[in-house]
C-alpha atoms as a PDB file:
ATOM      1  CA  UNK A   1     -25.967  40.692 -51.909  1.00  0.00           C
ATOM      2  CA  UNK A   2     -23.969  43.532 -53.416  1.00  0.00           C
ATOM      3  CA  UNK A   3     -24.916  46.942 -52.159  1.00  0.00           C
ATOM      4  CA  UNK A   4     -24.874  48.712 -55.504  1.00  0.00           C
ATOM      5  CA  UNK A   5     -25.490  52.143 -54.055  1.00  0.00           C
ATOM      6  CA  UNK A   6     -22.386  51.904 -51.887  1.00  0.00           C
ATOM      7  CA  UNK A   7     -20.387  50.302 -54.686  1.00  0.00           C
ATOM      8  CA  UNK A   8     -20.905  53.350 -56.843  1.00  0.00           C
ATOM      9  CA  UNK A   9     -19.243  55.533 -54.233  1.00  0.00           C
ATOM     10  CA  UNK A  10     -15.849  53.786 -54.200  1.00  0.00           C
ATOM     11  CA  UNK A  11     -12.794  55.578 -52.905  1.00  0.00           C
ATOM     12  CA  UNK A  12     -10.548  55.283 -55.915  1.00  0.00           C
ATOM     13  CA  UNK A  13     -11.393  56.328 -59.426  1.00  0.00           C
ATOM     14  CA  UNK A  14     -11.509  53.809 -62.253  1.00  0.00           C
ATOM     15  CA  UNK A  15     -10.826  54.823 -65.809  1.00  0.00           C
ATOM     16  CA  UNK A  16     -11.889  53.090 -68.980  1.00  0.00           C
ATOM     17  CA  UNK A  17     -10.070  51.938 -72.019  1.00  0.00           C
ATOM     18  CA  UNK A  18     -10.278  54.004 -75.228  1.00  0.00           C
ATOM     19  CA  UNK A  19     -13.861  54.117 -76.350  1.00  0.00           C
ATOM     20  CA  UNK A  20     -15.161  53.045 -72.938  1.00  0.00           C
ATOM     21  CA  UNK A  21     -17.749  54.606 -70.682  1.00  0.00           C
ATOM     22  CA  UNK A  22     -17.046  57.419 -68.254  1.00  0.00           C
ATOM     23  CA  UNK A  23     -18.328  55.457 -65.225  1.00  0.00           C
ATOM     24  CA  UNK A  24     -19.751  58.239 -63.081  1.00  0.00           C
ATOM     25  CA  UNK A  25     -16.446  59.803 -62.106  1.00  0.00           C
ATOM     26  CA  UNK A  26     -16.688  62.472 -64.806  1.00  0.00           C
ATOM     27  CA  UNK A  27     -12.906  62.349 -65.173  1.00  0.00           C
ATOM     28  CA  UNK A  28     -11.114  63.495 -68.294  1.00  0.00           C
ATOM     29  CA  UNK A  29      -9.419  60.233 -69.125  1.00  0.00           C
ATOM     30  CA  UNK A  30      -6.684  61.719 -71.296  1.00  0.00           C
ATOM     31  CA  UNK A  31      -6.513  58.565 -73.392  1.00  0.00           C
ATOM     32  CA  UNK A  32      -6.536  58.663 -77.159  1.00  0.00           C
ATOM     33  CA  UNK A  33      -9.848  57.250 -78.350  1.00  0.00           C
ATOM     34  CA  UNK A  34      -9.485  54.488 -80.883  1.00  0.00           C
ATOM     35  CA  UNK A  35     -11.453  54.888 -84.084  1.00  0.00           C
ATOM     36  CA  UNK A  36     -14.060  52.161 -84.330  1.00  0.00           C
ATOM     37  CA  UNK A  37     -14.300  50.359 -87.661  1.00  0.00           C
ATOM     38  CA  UNK A  38     -18.018  50.743 -88.288  1.00  0.00           C
ATOM     39  CA  UNK A  39     -17.831  48.028 -90.964  1.00  0.00           C
ATOM     40  CA  UNK A  40     -16.635  45.444 -88.458  1.00  0.00           C
ATOM     41  CA  UNK A  41     -19.715  43.789 -86.882  1.00  0.00           C
ATOM     42  CA  UNK A  42     -17.774  42.750 -83.770  1.00  0.00           C
ATOM     43  CA  UNK A  43     -16.560  46.304 -83.195  1.00  0.00           C
ATOM     44  CA  UNK A  44     -20.028  47.662 -83.802  1.00  0.00           C
ATOM     45  CA  UNK A  45     -21.427  45.273 -81.203  1.00  0.00           C
ATOM     46  CA  UNK A  46     -18.670  46.235 -78.774  1.00  0.00           C
ATOM     47  CA  UNK A  47     -19.381  49.932 -79.271  1.00  0.00           C
ATOM     48  CA  UNK A  48     -23.067  49.334 -78.569  1.00  0.00           C
ATOM     49  CA  UNK A  49     -22.076  47.581 -75.339  1.00  0.00           C
ATOM     50  CA  UNK A  50     -20.099  50.552 -74.053  1.00  0.00           C
ATOM     51  CA  UNK A  51     -22.774  52.983 -75.231  1.00  0.00           C
ATOM     52  CA  UNK A  52     -25.439  51.046 -73.308  1.00  0.00           C
ATOM     53  CA  UNK A  53     -23.090  50.850 -70.334  1.00  0.00           C
ATOM     54  CA  UNK A  54     -22.540  54.608 -70.403  1.00  0.00           C
ATOM     55  CA  UNK A  55     -26.259  55.317 -70.747  1.00  0.00           C
ATOM     56  CA  UNK A  56     -27.119  53.085 -67.779  1.00  0.00           C
ATOM     57  CA  UNK A  57     -24.436  54.641 -65.592  1.00  0.00           C
ATOM     58  CA  UNK A  58     -25.461  58.161 -66.550  1.00  0.00           C
ATOM     59  CA  UNK A  59     -29.064  57.389 -65.684  1.00  0.00           C
ATOM     60  CA  UNK A  60     -28.116  55.870 -62.330  1.00  0.00           C
ATOM     61  CA  UNK A  61     -25.836  58.816 -61.638  1.00  0.00           C
ATOM     62  CA  UNK A  62     -28.819  61.096 -62.187  1.00  0.00           C
ATOM     63  CA  UNK A  63     -30.948  59.028 -59.788  1.00  0.00           C
ATOM     64  CA  UNK A  64     -28.290  59.308 -57.104  1.00  0.00           C
ATOM     65  CA  UNK A  65     -27.933  63.057 -57.657  1.00  0.00           C
ATOM     66  CA  UNK A  66     -31.692  63.553 -57.436  1.00  0.00           C
ATOM     67  CA  UNK A  67     -31.893  61.398 -54.316  1.00  0.00           C
ATOM     68  CA  UNK A  68     -29.151  63.471 -52.696  1.00  0.00           C
ATOM     69  CA  UNK A  69     -31.150  66.608 -53.451  1.00  0.00           C
ATOM     70  CA  UNK A  70     -34.282  65.011 -52.016  1.00  0.00           C
ATOM     71  CA  UNK A  71     -32.298  63.983 -48.929  1.00  0.00           C
ATOM     72  CA  UNK A  72     -31.391  67.625 -48.330  1.00  0.00           C
ATOM     73  CA  UNK A  73     -35.128  68.291 -48.199  1.00  0.00           C
ATOM     74  CA  UNK A  74     -35.881  65.262 -46.021  1.00  0.00           C
ATOM     75  CA  UNK A  75     -37.584  63.324 -48.805  1.00  0.00           C
ATOM     76  CA  UNK A  76     -34.993  60.776 -49.979  1.00  0.00           C
ATOM     77  CA  UNK A  77     -36.031  57.339 -51.210  1.00  0.00           C
ATOM     78  CA  UNK A  78     -34.994  54.432 -48.931  1.00  0.00           C
ATOM     79  CA  UNK A  79     -31.623  52.947 -49.896  1.00  0.00           C
ATOM     80  CA  UNK A  80     -33.203  49.520 -50.368  1.00  0.00           C
ATOM     81  CA  UNK A  81     -35.594  50.897 -52.992  1.00  0.00           C
ATOM     82  CA  UNK A  82     -32.845  52.783 -54.786  1.00  0.00           C
ATOM     83  CA  UNK A  83     -30.578  49.711 -54.749  1.00  0.00           C
ATOM     84  CA  UNK A  84     -33.308  47.545 -56.261  1.00  0.00           C
ATOM     85  CA  UNK A  85     -33.959  50.090 -58.991  1.00  0.00           C
ATOM     86  CA  UNK A  86     -30.229  50.327 -59.775  1.00  0.00           C
ATOM     87  CA  UNK A  87     -29.797  46.548 -59.942  1.00  0.00           C
ATOM     88  CA  UNK A  88     -32.717  46.234 -62.335  1.00  0.00           C
ATOM     89  CA  UNK A  89     -31.141  48.886 -64.568  1.00  0.00           C
ATOM     90  CA  UNK A  90     -27.704  47.235 -64.542  1.00  0.00           C
ATOM     91  CA  UNK A  91     -28.669  43.563 -64.888  1.00  0.00           C
ATOM     92  CA  UNK A  92     -29.207  43.591 -68.678  1.00  0.00           C
ATOM     93  CA  UNK A  93     -25.934  45.487 -69.193  1.00  0.00           C
ATOM     94  CA  UNK A  94     -24.012  42.859 -67.246  1.00  0.00           C
ATOM     95  CA  UNK A  95     -25.687  40.044 -69.153  1.00  0.00           C
ATOM     96  CA  UNK A  96     -24.807  41.674 -72.484  1.00  0.00           C
ATOM     97  CA  UNK A  97     -21.146  41.926 -71.509  1.00  0.00           C
ATOM     98  CA  UNK A  98     -21.044  38.302 -70.386  1.00  0.00           C
ATOM     99  CA  UNK A  99     -22.598  37.086 -73.629  1.00  0.00           C
ATOM    100  CA  UNK A 100     -20.229  39.180 -75.770  1.00  0.00           C
ATOM    101  CA  UNK A 101     -17.124  37.965 -73.930  1.00  0.00           C
ATOM    102  CA  UNK A 102     -18.239  34.339 -74.115  1.00  0.00           C
ATOM    103  CA  UNK A 103     -18.313  34.728 -77.910  1.00  0.00           C
ATOM    104  CA  UNK A 104     -15.165  36.902 -78.143  1.00  0.00           C
ATOM    105  CA  UNK A 105     -12.884  35.860 -75.239  1.00  0.00           C
ATOM    106  CA  UNK A 106      -9.801  37.546 -76.775  1.00  0.00           C
ATOM    107  CA  UNK A 107     -11.429  40.990 -76.960  1.00  0.00           C
ATOM    108  CA  UNK A 108      -9.297  42.787 -74.338  1.00  0.00           C
ATOM    109  CA  UNK A 109     -11.109  46.123 -74.581  1.00  0.00           C
ATOM    110  CA  UNK A 110     -14.441  44.472 -73.829  1.00  0.00           C
ATOM    111  CA  UNK A 111     -12.910  42.841 -70.758  1.00  0.00           C
ATOM    112  CA  UNK A 112     -11.556  46.184 -69.533  1.00  0.00           C
ATOM    113  CA  UNK A 113     -14.897  47.894 -70.121  1.00  0.00           C
ATOM    114  CA  UNK A 114     -16.727  45.075 -68.347  1.00  0.00           C
ATOM    115  CA  UNK A 115     -14.256  45.220 -65.463  1.00  0.00           C
ATOM    116  CA  UNK A 116     -14.874  48.945 -65.019  1.00  0.00           C
ATOM    117  CA  UNK A 117     -18.599  48.299 -65.022  1.00  0.00           C
ATOM    118  CA  UNK A 118     -18.165  45.554 -62.416  1.00  0.00           C
ATOM    119  CA  UNK A 119     -16.094  47.901 -60.273  1.00  0.00           C
ATOM    120  CA  UNK A 120     -18.835  50.504 -60.389  1.00  0.00           C
ATOM    121  CA  UNK A 121     -21.408  48.022 -59.123  1.00  0.00           C
ATOM    122  CA  UNK A 122     -19.080  46.760 -56.380  1.00  0.00           C
ATOM    123  CA  UNK A 123     -18.121  43.302 -57.710  1.00  0.00           C
ATOM    124  CA  UNK A 124     -14.363  43.640 -57.258  1.00  0.00           C
ATOM    125  CA  UNK A 125     -13.617  39.906 -57.356  1.00  0.00           C
ATOM    126  CA  UNK A 126     -15.005  39.521 -60.868  1.00  0.00           C
ATOM    127  CA  UNK A 127     -13.544  42.896 -61.839  1.00  0.00           C
ATOM    128  CA  UNK A 128     -10.076  41.642 -60.924  1.00  0.00           C
ATOM    129  CA  UNK A 129     -10.616  38.414 -62.873  1.00  0.00           C
ATOM    130  CA  UNK A 130     -11.563  40.327 -66.008  1.00  0.00           C
ATOM    131  CA  UNK A 131      -8.637  42.735 -65.665  1.00  0.00           C
ATOM    132  CA  UNK A 132      -6.103  39.943 -65.168  1.00  0.00           C
ATOM    133  CA  UNK A 133      -7.397  38.194 -68.285  1.00  0.00           C
ATOM    134  CA  UNK A 134      -7.239  41.491 -70.185  1.00  0.00           C
ATOM    135  CA  UNK A 135      -3.628  42.012 -69.064  1.00  0.00           C
ATOM    136  CA  UNK A 136      -2.719  38.596 -70.473  1.00  0.00           C
ATOM    137  CA  UNK A 137      -4.062  39.799 -73.813  1.00  0.00           C
ATOM    138  CA  UNK A 138      -2.748  43.373 -73.759  1.00  0.00           C
ATOM    139  CA  UNK A 139       0.407  44.315 -71.830  1.00  0.00           C
ATOM    140  CA  UNK A 140       0.522  47.991 -72.815  1.00  0.00           C
ATOM    141  CA  UNK A 141      -2.902  49.319 -71.831  1.00  0.00           C
ATOM    142  CA  UNK A 142      -2.344  51.781 -68.945  1.00  0.00           C
ATOM    143  CA  UNK A 143      -5.988  51.592 -67.857  1.00  0.00           C
ATOM    144  CA  UNK A 144      -5.555  47.905 -67.001  1.00  0.00           C
ATOM    145  CA  UNK A 145      -2.610  48.649 -64.720  1.00  0.00           C
ATOM    146  CA  UNK A 146      -4.424  51.573 -63.086  1.00  0.00           C
ATOM    147  CA  UNK A 147      -7.594  49.616 -62.411  1.00  0.00           C
ATOM    148  CA  UNK A 148      -5.712  46.592 -61.084  1.00  0.00           C
ATOM    149  CA  UNK A 149      -3.725  48.960 -58.861  1.00  0.00           C
ATOM    150  CA  UNK A 150      -7.017  50.247 -57.454  1.00  0.00           C
ATOM    151  CA  UNK A 151      -7.926  46.695 -56.463  1.00  0.00           C
ATOM    152  CA  UNK A 152      -4.504  46.000 -54.949  1.00  0.00           C
ATOM    153  CA  UNK A 153      -4.890  49.212 -52.978  1.00  0.00           C
ATOM    154  CA  UNK A 154      -8.141  47.880 -51.520  1.00  0.00           C
ATOM    155  CA  UNK A 155      -7.129  44.273 -50.892  1.00  0.00           C
ATOM    156  CA  UNK A 156      -3.344  44.081 -51.184  1.00  0.00           C
ATOM    157  CA  UNK A 157      -0.588  43.617 -51.709  1.00  0.00           C
ATOM    158  CA  UNK A 158      -0.187  47.390 -51.596  1.00  0.00           C
ATOM    159  CA  UNK A 159       3.279  47.224 -53.124  1.00  0.00           C
ATOM    160  CA  UNK A 160       1.642  45.859 -56.280  1.00  0.00           C
ATOM    161  CA  UNK A 161      -0.530  48.960 -56.337  1.00  0.00           C
ATOM    162  CA  UNK A 162       2.563  51.188 -56.195  1.00  0.00           C
ATOM    163  CA  UNK A 163       4.148  49.251 -59.073  1.00  0.00           C
ATOM    164  CA  UNK A 164       1.034  49.180 -61.229  1.00  0.00           C
ATOM    165  CA  UNK A 165       0.230  52.893 -60.832  1.00  0.00           C
ATOM    166  CA  UNK A 166       3.802  53.684 -61.858  1.00  0.00           C
ATOM    167  CA  UNK A 167       3.460  51.384 -64.867  1.00  0.00           C
ATOM    168  CA  UNK A 168       0.226  53.141 -65.879  1.00  0.00           C
ATOM    169  CA  UNK A 169       1.973  56.526 -65.645  1.00  0.00           C
ATOM    170  CA  UNK A 170       4.950  55.254 -67.638  1.00  0.00           C
ATOM    171  CA  UNK A 171       2.584  54.139 -70.394  1.00  0.00           C
ATOM    172  CA  UNK A 172       0.506  57.321 -70.319  1.00  0.00           C
ATOM    173  CA  UNK A 173       2.064  60.221 -68.371  1.00  0.00           C
ATOM    174  CA  UNK A 174      -0.721  62.609 -69.435  1.00  0.00           C
ATOM    175  CA  UNK A 175      -3.555  60.940 -67.488  1.00  0.00           C
ATOM    176  CA  UNK A 176      -4.352  62.926 -64.294  1.00  0.00           C
ATOM    177  CA  UNK A 177      -6.419  60.128 -62.735  1.00  0.00           C
ATOM    178  CA  UNK A 178      -3.360  57.896 -62.447  1.00  0.00           C
ATOM    179  CA  UNK A 179      -1.496  60.516 -60.402  1.00  0.00           C
ATOM    180  CA  UNK A 180      -4.618  61.082 -58.271  1.00  0.00           C
ATOM    181  CA  UNK A 181      -5.018  57.403 -57.467  1.00  0.00           C
ATOM    182  CA  UNK A 182      -1.298  56.876 -56.903  1.00  0.00           C
ATOM    183  CA  UNK A 183      -1.086  59.875 -54.563  1.00  0.00           C
ATOM    184  CA  UNK A 184      -4.097  58.711 -52.565  1.00  0.00           C
ATOM    185  CA  UNK A 185      -2.651  55.224 -52.133  1.00  0.00           C
ATOM    186  CA  UNK A 186       0.763  56.520 -51.062  1.00  0.00           C
ATOM    187  CA  UNK A 187      -0.897  58.767 -48.500  1.00  0.00           C
ATOM    188  CA  UNK A 188      -3.274  56.125 -47.135  1.00  0.00           C
ATOM    189  CA  UNK A 189      -0.574  53.461 -46.842  1.00  0.00           C
ATOM    190  CA  UNK A 190       2.179  55.622 -45.401  1.00  0.00           C
ATOM    191  CA  UNK A 191       3.948  52.836 -43.508  1.00  0.00           C
ATOM    192  CA  UNK A 192       4.093  50.637 -46.616  1.00  0.00           C
ATOM    193  CA  UNK A 193       5.275  53.551 -48.756  1.00  0.00           C
ATOM    194  CA  UNK A 194       7.956  54.507 -46.237  1.00  0.00           C
ATOM    195  CA  UNK A 195       9.315  50.962 -46.164  1.00  0.00           C
ATOM    196  CA  UNK A 196       8.953  50.315 -49.890  1.00  0.00           C
ATOM    197  CA  UNK A 197      10.640  53.525 -51.021  1.00  0.00           C
ATOM    198  CA  UNK A 198      13.085  53.788 -48.106  1.00  0.00           C
ATOM    199  CA  UNK A 199      11.982  57.320 -47.169  1.00  0.00           C
ATOM    200  CA  UNK A 200      10.816  59.177 -44.064  1.00  0.00           C
ATOM    201  CA  UNK A 201       7.193  59.878 -43.200  1.00  0.00           C
ATOM    202  CA  UNK A 202       7.577  63.537 -44.170  1.00  0.00           C
ATOM    203  CA  UNK A 203       8.997  62.433 -47.514  1.00  0.00           C
ATOM    204  CA  UNK A 204       5.997  60.134 -47.959  1.00  0.00           C
ATOM    205  CA  UNK A 205       3.715  63.155 -47.485  1.00  0.00           C
ATOM    206  CA  UNK A 206       5.792  65.101 -49.988  1.00  0.00           C
ATOM    207  CA  UNK A 207       5.644  62.216 -52.485  1.00  0.00           C
ATOM    208  CA  UNK A 208       1.843  62.033 -52.256  1.00  0.00           C
ATOM    209  CA  UNK A 209       1.535  65.802 -52.647  1.00  0.00           C
ATOM    210  CA  UNK A 210       3.914  65.796 -55.625  1.00  0.00           C
ATOM    211  CA  UNK A 211       1.786  63.157 -57.365  1.00  0.00           C
ATOM    212  CA  UNK A 212      -1.355  65.178 -56.671  1.00  0.00           C
ATOM    213  CA  UNK A 213       0.362  68.288 -57.996  1.00  0.00           C
ATOM    214  CA  UNK A 214       1.182  66.562 -61.292  1.00  0.00           C
ATOM    215  CA  UNK A 215      -2.454  65.492 -61.635  1.00  0.00           C
ATOM    216  CA  UNK A 216      -3.715  69.010 -60.947  1.00  0.00           C
ATOM    217  CA  UNK A 217      -1.346  70.492 -63.504  1.00  0.00           C
ATOM    218  CA  UNK A 218      -2.853  68.159 -66.093  1.00  0.00           C
ATOM    219  CA  UNK A 219      -6.424  68.975 -65.016  1.00  0.00           C
ATOM    220  CA  UNK A 220      -6.577  72.165 -62.896  1.00  0.00           C
ATOM    221  CA  UNK A 221     -10.407  72.075 -62.808  1.00  0.00           C
ATOM    222  CA  UNK A 222     -10.675  68.646 -61.116  1.00  0.00           C
ATOM    223  CA  UNK A 223     -12.532  69.403 -57.862  1.00  0.00           C
ATOM    224  CA  UNK A 224     -12.344  65.859 -56.398  1.00  0.00           C
ATOM    225  CA  UNK A 225      -8.576  65.907 -56.880  1.00  0.00           C
ATOM    226  CA  UNK A 226      -8.231  69.446 -55.504  1.00  0.00           C
ATOM    227  CA  UNK A 227     -10.264  68.510 -52.419  1.00  0.00           C
ATOM    228  CA  UNK A 228      -8.252  65.303 -51.900  1.00  0.00           C
ATOM    229  CA  UNK A 229      -5.066  67.368 -51.988  1.00  0.00           C
ATOM    230  CA  UNK A 230      -6.492  69.682 -49.329  1.00  0.00           C
ATOM    231  CA  UNK A 231      -7.742  66.851 -47.112  1.00  0.00           C
ATOM    232  CA  UNK A 232      -4.288  65.286 -47.140  1.00  0.00           C
ATOM    233  CA  UNK A 233      -3.117  68.030 -44.782  1.00  0.00           C
ATOM    234  CA  UNK A 234      -5.311  66.691 -41.966  1.00  0.00           C
ATOM    235  CA  UNK A 235      -2.995  63.694 -41.723  1.00  0.00           C
ATOM    236  CA  UNK A 236       0.273  65.599 -41.890  1.00  0.00           C
ATOM    237  CA  UNK A 237       2.071  66.289 -38.603  1.00  0.00           C
ATOM    238  CA  UNK A 238       3.353  68.807 -37.712  1.00  0.00           C
ATOM    239  CA  UNK A 239       0.514  70.839 -39.160  1.00  0.00           C
ATOM    240  CA  UNK A 240       1.031  72.767 -42.381  1.00  0.00           C
ATOM    241  CA  UNK A 241      -1.843  75.163 -41.734  1.00  0.00           C
ATOM    242  CA  UNK A 242      -1.135  77.790 -44.372  1.00  0.00           C
ATOM    243  CA  UNK A 243      -0.476  75.144 -47.030  1.00  0.00           C
ATOM    244  CA  UNK A 244      -3.798  73.514 -46.124  1.00  0.00           C
ATOM    245  CA  UNK A 245      -5.680  76.810 -46.407  1.00  0.00           C
ATOM    246  CA  UNK A 246      -4.105  77.492 -49.791  1.00  0.00           C
ATOM    247  CA  UNK A 247      -5.134  74.034 -50.966  1.00  0.00           C
ATOM    248  CA  UNK A 248      -8.733  74.579 -49.840  1.00  0.00           C
ATOM    249  CA  UNK A 249      -8.737  77.998 -51.503  1.00  0.00           C
ATOM    250  CA  UNK A 250      -7.732  76.279 -54.731  1.00  0.00           C
ATOM    251  CA  UNK A 251     -10.494  73.695 -54.279  1.00  0.00           C
ATOM    252  CA  UNK A 252     -13.014  76.475 -53.702  1.00  0.00           C
ATOM    253  CA  UNK A 253     -11.995  78.137 -56.950  1.00  0.00           C
ATOM    254  CA  UNK A 254     -12.923  75.021 -58.962  1.00  0.00           C
ATOM    255  CA  UNK A 255     -16.046  73.938 -57.022  1.00  0.00           C
ATOM    256  CA  UNK A 256     -18.936  73.197 -59.366  1.00  0.00           C
ATOM    257  CA  UNK A 257     -21.920  74.116 -57.217  1.00  0.00           C
ATOM    258  CA  UNK A 258     -23.022  75.501 -53.879  1.00  0.00           C
ATOM    259  CA  UNK A 259     -22.933  72.085 -52.191  1.00  0.00           C
ATOM    260  CA  UNK A 260     -19.249  71.703 -52.998  1.00  0.00           C
ATOM    261  CA  UNK A 261     -18.523  75.312 -52.030  1.00  0.00           C
ATOM    262  CA  UNK A 262     -20.248  74.959 -48.657  1.00  0.00           C
ATOM    263  CA  UNK A 263     -18.306  71.769 -48.013  1.00  0.00           C
ATOM    264  CA  UNK A 264     -15.122  73.789 -48.471  1.00  0.00           C
ATOM    265  CA  UNK A 265     -16.420  76.426 -46.025  1.00  0.00           C
ATOM    266  CA  UNK A 266     -16.733  73.671 -43.418  1.00  0.00           C
ATOM    267  CA  UNK A 267     -13.092  72.738 -43.938  1.00  0.00           C
ATOM    268  CA  UNK A 268     -12.028  76.384 -43.653  1.00  0.00           C
ATOM    269  CA  UNK A 269     -13.946  76.582 -40.374  1.00  0.00           C
ATOM    270  CA  UNK A 270     -12.372  73.433 -38.974  1.00  0.00           C
ATOM    271  CA  UNK A 271      -8.809  74.478 -39.803  1.00  0.00           C
ATOM    272  CA  UNK A 272      -9.236  78.016 -38.478  1.00  0.00           C
ATOM    273  CA  UNK A 273     -10.920  76.725 -35.319  1.00  0.00           C
ATOM    274  CA  UNK A 274      -7.817  74.619 -34.609  1.00  0.00           C
ATOM    275  CA  UNK A 275      -5.621  77.609 -35.389  1.00  0.00           C
ATOM    276  CA  UNK A 276      -7.458  79.828 -32.887  1.00  0.00           C
ATOM    277  CA  UNK A 277      -8.944  82.091 -35.563  1.00  0.00           C
ATOM    278  CA  UNK A 278     -12.397  81.880 -34.069  1.00  0.00           C
ATOM    279  CA  UNK A 279     -14.064  84.890 -35.744  1.00  0.00           C
ATOM    280  CA  UNK A 280     -13.026  83.669 -39.188  1.00  0.00           C
ATOM    281  CA  UNK A 281     -14.165  80.148 -38.381  1.00  0.00           C
ATOM    282  CA  UNK A 282     -17.595  81.409 -37.310  1.00  0.00           C
ATOM    283  CA  UNK A 283     -17.923  83.483 -40.474  1.00  0.00           C
ATOM    284  CA  UNK A 284     -17.307  80.364 -42.574  1.00  0.00           C
ATOM    285  CA  UNK A 285     -19.893  78.401 -40.573  1.00  0.00           C
ATOM    286  CA  UNK A 286     -22.445  81.181 -41.028  1.00  0.00           C
ATOM    287  CA  UNK A 287     -21.973  80.874 -44.792  1.00  0.00           C
ATOM    288  CA  UNK A 288     -23.184  77.243 -44.708  1.00  0.00           C
ATOM    289  CA  UNK A 289     -26.942  77.126 -45.323  1.00  0.00           C
ATOM    290  CA  UNK A 290     -27.572  73.782 -47.047  1.00  0.00           C
ATOM    291  CA  UNK A 291     -29.475  71.339 -44.835  1.00  0.00           C
ATOM    292  CA  UNK A 292     -27.199  68.505 -45.938  1.00  0.00           C
ATOM    293  CA  UNK A 293     -24.486  70.024 -43.751  1.00  0.00           C
ATOM    294  CA  UNK A 294     -26.638  70.637 -40.658  1.00  0.00           C
ATOM    295  CA  UNK A 295     -25.081  67.883 -38.522  1.00  0.00           C
ATOM    296  CA  UNK A 296     -21.531  68.827 -39.460  1.00  0.00           C
ATOM    297  CA  UNK A 297     -22.230  72.533 -38.969  1.00  0.00           C
ATOM    298  CA  UNK A 298     -23.762  71.887 -35.558  1.00  0.00           C
ATOM    299  CA  UNK A 299     -20.780  69.787 -34.405  1.00  0.00           C
ATOM    300  CA  UNK A 300     -18.293  72.386 -35.558  1.00  0.00           C
ATOM    301  CA  UNK A 301     -20.316  75.152 -33.944  1.00  0.00           C
ATOM    302  CA  UNK A 302     -20.321  73.316 -30.612  1.00  0.00           C
ATOM    303  CA  UNK A 303     -16.569  72.788 -30.836  1.00  0.00           C
ATOM    304  CA  UNK A 304     -16.085  76.444 -31.710  1.00  0.00           C
ATOM    305  CA  UNK A 305     -18.241  77.591 -28.779  1.00  0.00           C
ATOM    306  CA  UNK A 306     -16.251  75.385 -26.410  1.00  0.00           C
ATOM    307  CA  UNK A 307     -12.913  76.582 -27.793  1.00  0.00           C
ATOM    308  CA  UNK A 308     -13.920  80.234 -27.450  1.00  0.00           C
ATOM    309  CA  UNK A 309     -15.083  79.615 -23.875  1.00  0.00           C
ATOM    310  CA  UNK A 310     -11.777  77.995 -22.926  1.00  0.00           C
ATOM    311  CA  UNK A 311      -9.872  80.823 -24.579  1.00  0.00           C
ATOM    312  CA  UNK A 312     -11.810  83.376 -22.521  1.00  0.00           C
ATOM    313  CA  UNK A 313     -11.034  81.453 -19.335  1.00  0.00           C
ATOM    314  CA  UNK A 314      -7.386  81.323 -20.254  1.00  0.00           C
ATOM    315  CA  UNK A 315      -7.261  85.080 -20.764  1.00  0.00           C
ATOM    316  CA  UNK A 316      -9.217  85.928 -17.570  1.00  0.00           C
ATOM    317  CA  UNK A 317      -7.523  88.236 -15.052  1.00  0.00           C
ATOM    318  CA  UNK A 318      -5.812  86.361 -12.159  1.00  0.00           C
ATOM    319  CA  UNK A 319      -7.451  86.468  -8.723  1.00  0.00           C
ATOM    320  CA  UNK A 320      -5.893  88.537  -5.928  1.00  0.00           C
ATOM    321  CA  UNK A 321      -3.662  86.764  -3.384  1.00  0.00           C
ATOM    322  CA  UNK A 322      -6.237  87.237  -0.623  1.00  0.00           C
ATOM    323  CA  UNK A 323      -8.981  85.695  -2.710  1.00  0.00           C
ATOM    324  CA  UNK A 324      -6.740  82.929  -3.958  1.00  0.00           C
ATOM    325  CA  UNK A 325      -5.436  81.577  -0.660  1.00  0.00           C
ATOM    326  CA  UNK A 326      -5.706  77.827  -0.287  1.00  0.00           C
ATOM    327  CA  UNK A 327      -7.143  77.282   3.216  1.00  0.00           C
ATOM    328  CA  UNK A 328      -5.764  73.782   3.506  1.00  0.00           C
ATOM    329  CA  UNK A 329      -2.144  74.717   2.862  1.00  0.00           C
ATOM    330  CA  UNK A 330      -2.289  78.436   3.549  1.00  0.00           C
ATOM    331  CA  UNK A 331      -0.380  78.871   0.268  1.00  0.00           C
ATOM    332  CA  UNK A 332      -1.480  81.143  -2.599  1.00  0.00           C
ATOM    333  CA  UNK A 333      -3.558  79.378  -5.189  1.00  0.00           C
ATOM    334  CA  UNK A 334      -1.934  79.073  -8.582  1.00  0.00           C
ATOM    335  CA  UNK A 335      -2.806  81.809 -11.053  1.00  0.00           C
ATOM    336  CA  UNK A 336      -1.474  79.791 -14.002  1.00  0.00           C
ATOM    337  CA  UNK A 337      -4.313  79.459 -16.518  1.00  0.00           C
ATOM    338  CA  UNK A 338      -5.435  76.034 -17.680  1.00  0.00           C
ATOM    339  CA  UNK A 339      -4.277  74.844 -21.093  1.00  0.00           C
ATOM    340  CA  UNK A 340      -6.937  75.363 -23.742  1.00  0.00           C
ATOM    341  CA  UNK A 341      -7.580  72.021 -25.429  1.00  0.00           C
ATOM    342  CA  UNK A 342      -9.397  72.274 -28.695  1.00  0.00           C
ATOM    343  CA  UNK A 343     -11.158  69.078 -29.648  1.00  0.00           C
ATOM    344  CA  UNK A 344     -10.991  67.727 -33.119  1.00  0.00           C
ATOM    345  CA  UNK A 345     -13.791  68.999 -35.371  1.00  0.00           C
ATOM    346  CA  UNK A 346     -15.730  65.766 -35.341  1.00  0.00           C
END
């Protein structure tokens, strides 16, 4: 059985065709919206489909948001109950799409809209089927290439994802989501990208960051993209600490609410802990008050306490030769301090 709740929280972002639903991601799709001929009964029926789709997704999005808020207060509904409620809300929407497409199999926009809906509820197999049929009907819709690339990124071949994201960008270079998805896939599949493009690992990092940068220039207020850019630095070696802090500062500037802001504080704390800036790290942790972050805050605080303790031991004054004599060898004990090992902020 499909876990709808998890399906709605997919890693990559799907976009819709012109006139389609927003599908929870709240992304500015940057695609010119086609004018619907209100005198065409087929187009009117199609528009009602996407309107109903959008309404259902918006309602479910609200349920998830409310449940997250309840979870912060220790009163969340069980996932099984929420999943059942979501399925019951989505079932008639799915049935309406299936009936429309059975009567109008050549309607490519309906197939793309249905595919996006299927992706949101976690049915990627049927989503891919609908997108492949849509591509047979319409070769120049960038959303089809982007959404198929998302699937290839999940299930392979990854090189198809690289090709299809590039095709989507070629068809519509003003859509920030395409750069976001492409950058994420390049970063996640670094070995494949290195081999496919014939570049070094550092150049792969730079390629992913350049794609992210293009997306941010098109939509500077996109917090999910800004935070993905910042998180990329965790995987880059050697560390680019100052670049990472600048990226998180940018994400903080476009955060929408206190939950997002406090999440950024946690990242500031983690990076500065690793950089030995303990007082700053503790100040960031003290700024986190939302109960949703209690476990993360506690783990980071323990790591910070341990790191500070090791740093104090490292900086302790050496013992005198008389006190430090090794009785077994009659040689002076070493006064070299131990290496301070800071654990990852897990």
